[in-house]
Structure formats: C-alpha cells, structure tokens
Amino acid sequence: MPERTTVVLPALLKQRAVARARDQGISFGELVRRALEKALSPPEDRGRKGKPAGDPFWDNLKVCEGGPSDVALHHDDYLYGPTR
C-alpha cells in the first residue's frame, strides 16, 4: 500500500514540475515517483540501453572497463614505465 508523504517545494520548482507532468500527460505524483526511482536506481541501471547515465563519474567508468586489474598496485609503472 502506498504511503502519503508531504514534501515542501519552492513555488517555482513546483510550477515547473507540474508543467512537465502536464507536458508528459502524467500526474504530478507520477512525475515525482519516476524522478525518485531514477535518482535512487543503482548506477549500472542509469545508463542502460547505451544511453549515458548523466553522471560524469559513472559515465567515465565505461571508458575504464576491461583495463588492467592491478592499476592501484602498479600505477607508477603504467604512468611512467616499468621500474628497473
């Protein structure tokens, strides 16, 4: 069973949110629920279907995938070349 919650919003933010909900053909409550689901979803779910997640940190992790697994231990070797 859903719980009722009261949230205090600045007037301009509420007006913008109501207008966005109207443009999307959904209720204000549905807009808030969708926004919360998106904001609270795990990072790996945010960038699904090849779309960027919108978070520079998590988006940048995609660039690092498949790299060496020992970077923390041997970072100097990767940055400056192997030590002799």
C-alpha atoms as a PDB file:
ATOM      1  CA  MET A   1       0.000   0.000   0.000  1.00  0.00           C
ATOM      2  CA  PRO A   2       1.482   3.389  -0.973  1.00  0.00           C
ATOM      3  CA  GLU A   3       2.277   5.855   1.783  1.00  0.00           C
ATOM      4  CA  ARG A   4       1.333   9.507   1.655  1.00  0.00           C
ATOM      5  CA  THR A   5       4.222  11.912   2.009  1.00  0.00           C
ATOM      6  CA  THR A   6       4.315  15.676   2.246  1.00  0.00           C
ATOM      7  CA  VAL A   7       7.186  17.500   0.568  1.00  0.00           C
ATOM      8  CA  VAL A   8       7.768  21.240   0.751  1.00  0.00           C
ATOM      9  CA  LEU A   9       8.944  22.657  -2.590  1.00  0.00           C
ATOM     10  CA  PRO A  10       9.880  26.155  -3.693  1.00  0.00           C
ATOM     11  CA  ALA A  11       6.983  27.623  -5.691  1.00  0.00           C
ATOM     12  CA  LEU A  12       8.928  27.889  -8.965  1.00  0.00           C
ATOM     13  CA  LEU A  13      10.142  24.276  -8.737  1.00  0.00           C
ATOM     14  CA  LYS A  14       6.592  23.040  -8.156  1.00  0.00           C
ATOM     15  CA  GLN A  15       5.295  25.093 -11.093  1.00  0.00           C
ATOM     16  CA  ARG A  16       7.999  23.669 -13.365  1.00  0.00           C
ATOM     17  CA  ALA A  17       7.287  20.125 -12.187  1.00  0.00           C
ATOM     18  CA  VAL A  18       3.528  20.484 -12.691  1.00  0.00           C
ATOM     19  CA  ALA A  19       4.123  21.888 -16.183  1.00  0.00           C
ATOM     20  CA  ARG A  20       6.487  18.999 -17.045  1.00  0.00           C
ATOM     21  CA  ALA A  21       3.952  16.441 -15.795  1.00  0.00           C
ATOM     22  CA  ARG A  22       1.240  18.096 -17.874  1.00  0.00           C
ATOM     23  CA  ASP A  23       3.506  18.052 -20.966  1.00  0.00           C
ATOM     24  CA  GLN A  24       4.142  14.334 -20.434  1.00  0.00           C
ATOM     25  CA  GLY A  25       0.477  13.588 -19.826  1.00  0.00           C
ATOM     26  CA  ILE A  26       1.069  12.222 -16.312  1.00  0.00           C
ATOM     27  CA  SER A  27       0.144  13.326 -12.822  1.00  0.00           C
ATOM     28  CA  PHE A  28       2.463  15.393 -10.651  1.00  0.00           C
ATOM     29  CA  GLY A  29       2.697  12.437  -8.260  1.00  0.00           C
ATOM     30  CA  GLU A  30       3.753  10.106 -11.089  1.00  0.00           C
ATOM     31  CA  LEU A  31       6.438  12.595 -12.163  1.00  0.00           C
ATOM     32  CA  VAL A  32       7.797  12.679  -8.610  1.00  0.00           C
ATOM     33  CA  ARG A  33       7.748   8.862  -8.332  1.00  0.00           C
ATOM     34  CA  ARG A  34       9.611   8.473 -11.643  1.00  0.00           C
ATOM     35  CA  ALA A  35      12.176  11.099 -10.666  1.00  0.00           C
ATOM     36  CA  LEU A  36      12.801   9.366  -7.337  1.00  0.00           C
ATOM     37  CA  GLU A  37      13.117   5.945  -8.999  1.00  0.00           C
ATOM     38  CA  LYS A  38      15.645   7.357 -11.446  1.00  0.00           C
ATOM     39  CA  ALA A  39      17.607   9.231  -8.764  1.00  0.00           C
ATOM     40  CA  LEU A  40      17.732   6.202  -6.453  1.00  0.00           C
ATOM     41  CA  SER A  41      18.422   3.491  -9.029  1.00  0.00           C
ATOM     42  CA  PRO A  42      21.814   1.773  -8.908  1.00  0.00           C
ATOM     43  CA  PRO A  43      24.414   3.433 -11.154  1.00  0.00           C
ATOM     44  CA  GLU A  44      24.575   0.448 -13.519  1.00  0.00           C
ATOM     45  CA  ASP A  45      20.849   0.878 -14.271  1.00  0.00           C
ATOM     46  CA  ARG A  46      21.104   4.595 -15.044  1.00  0.00           C
ATOM     47  CA  GLY A  47      22.984   4.187 -18.314  1.00  0.00           C
ATOM     48  CA  ARG A  48      21.059   1.238 -19.721  1.00  0.00           C
ATOM     49  CA  LYS A  49      20.409   0.856 -23.442  1.00  0.00           C
ATOM     50  CA  GLY A  50      23.655   2.606 -24.308  1.00  0.00           C
ATOM     51  CA  LYS A  51      22.457   5.979 -23.082  1.00  0.00           C
ATOM     52  CA  PRO A  52      24.814   7.974 -20.878  1.00  0.00           C
ATOM     53  CA  ALA A  53      23.906   7.994 -17.224  1.00  0.00           C
ATOM     54  CA  GLY A  54      24.347  11.737 -16.940  1.00  0.00           C
ATOM     55  CA  ASP A  55      26.800  11.377 -14.071  1.00  0.00           C
ATOM     56  CA  PRO A  56      30.395  12.138 -15.165  1.00  0.00           C
ATOM     57  CA  PHE A  57      31.872   9.735 -12.611  1.00  0.00           C
ATOM     58  CA  TRP A  58      29.779   6.727 -13.593  1.00  0.00           C
ATOM     59  CA  ASP A  59      29.907   7.569 -17.300  1.00  0.00           C
ATOM     60  CA  ASN A  60      33.713   7.655 -17.129  1.00  0.00           C
ATOM     61  CA  LEU A  61      33.834   4.153 -15.662  1.00  0.00           C
ATOM     62  CA  LYS A  62      32.709   2.820 -19.043  1.00  0.00           C
ATOM     63  CA  VAL A  63      35.979   4.097 -20.521  1.00  0.00           C
ATOM     64  CA  CYS A  64      37.941   2.176 -17.885  1.00  0.00           C
ATOM     65  CA  GLU A  65      36.226  -1.186 -18.371  1.00  0.00           C
ATOM     66  CA  GLY A  66      38.485  -4.006 -19.484  1.00  0.00           C
ATOM     67  CA  GLY A  67      41.692  -2.352 -18.296  1.00  0.00           C
ATOM     68  CA  PRO A  68      44.362  -3.902 -16.104  1.00  0.00           C
ATOM     69  CA  SER A  69      43.164  -5.094 -12.721  1.00  0.00           C
ATOM     70  CA  ASP A  70      46.327  -4.109 -10.841  1.00  0.00           C
ATOM     71  CA  VAL A  71      46.363  -0.363 -11.543  1.00  0.00           C
ATOM     72  CA  ALA A  72      46.206   0.563  -7.862  1.00  0.00           C
ATOM     73  CA  LEU A  73      49.276  -1.524  -7.110  1.00  0.00           C
ATOM     74  CA  HIS A  74      51.343  -0.685 -10.210  1.00  0.00           C
ATOM     75  CA  HIS A  75      50.092   2.787 -11.141  1.00  0.00           C
ATOM     76  CA  ASP A  76      53.632   4.222 -11.377  1.00  0.00           C
ATOM     77  CA  ASP A  77      54.586   1.569 -13.916  1.00  0.00           C
ATOM     78  CA  TYR A  78      51.551   2.449 -16.030  1.00  0.00           C
ATOM     79  CA  LEU A  79      52.165   6.191 -15.786  1.00  0.00           C
ATOM     80  CA  TYR A  80      55.975   6.354 -16.025  1.00  0.00           C
ATOM     81  CA  GLY A  81      57.016   2.980 -17.416  1.00  0.00           C
ATOM     82  CA  PRO A  82      58.327  -0.117 -15.658  1.00  0.00           C
ATOM     83  CA  THR A  83      60.850   0.388 -12.873  1.00  0.00           C
ATOM     84  CA  ARG A  84      64.263  -1.143 -13.346  1.00  0.00           C
END
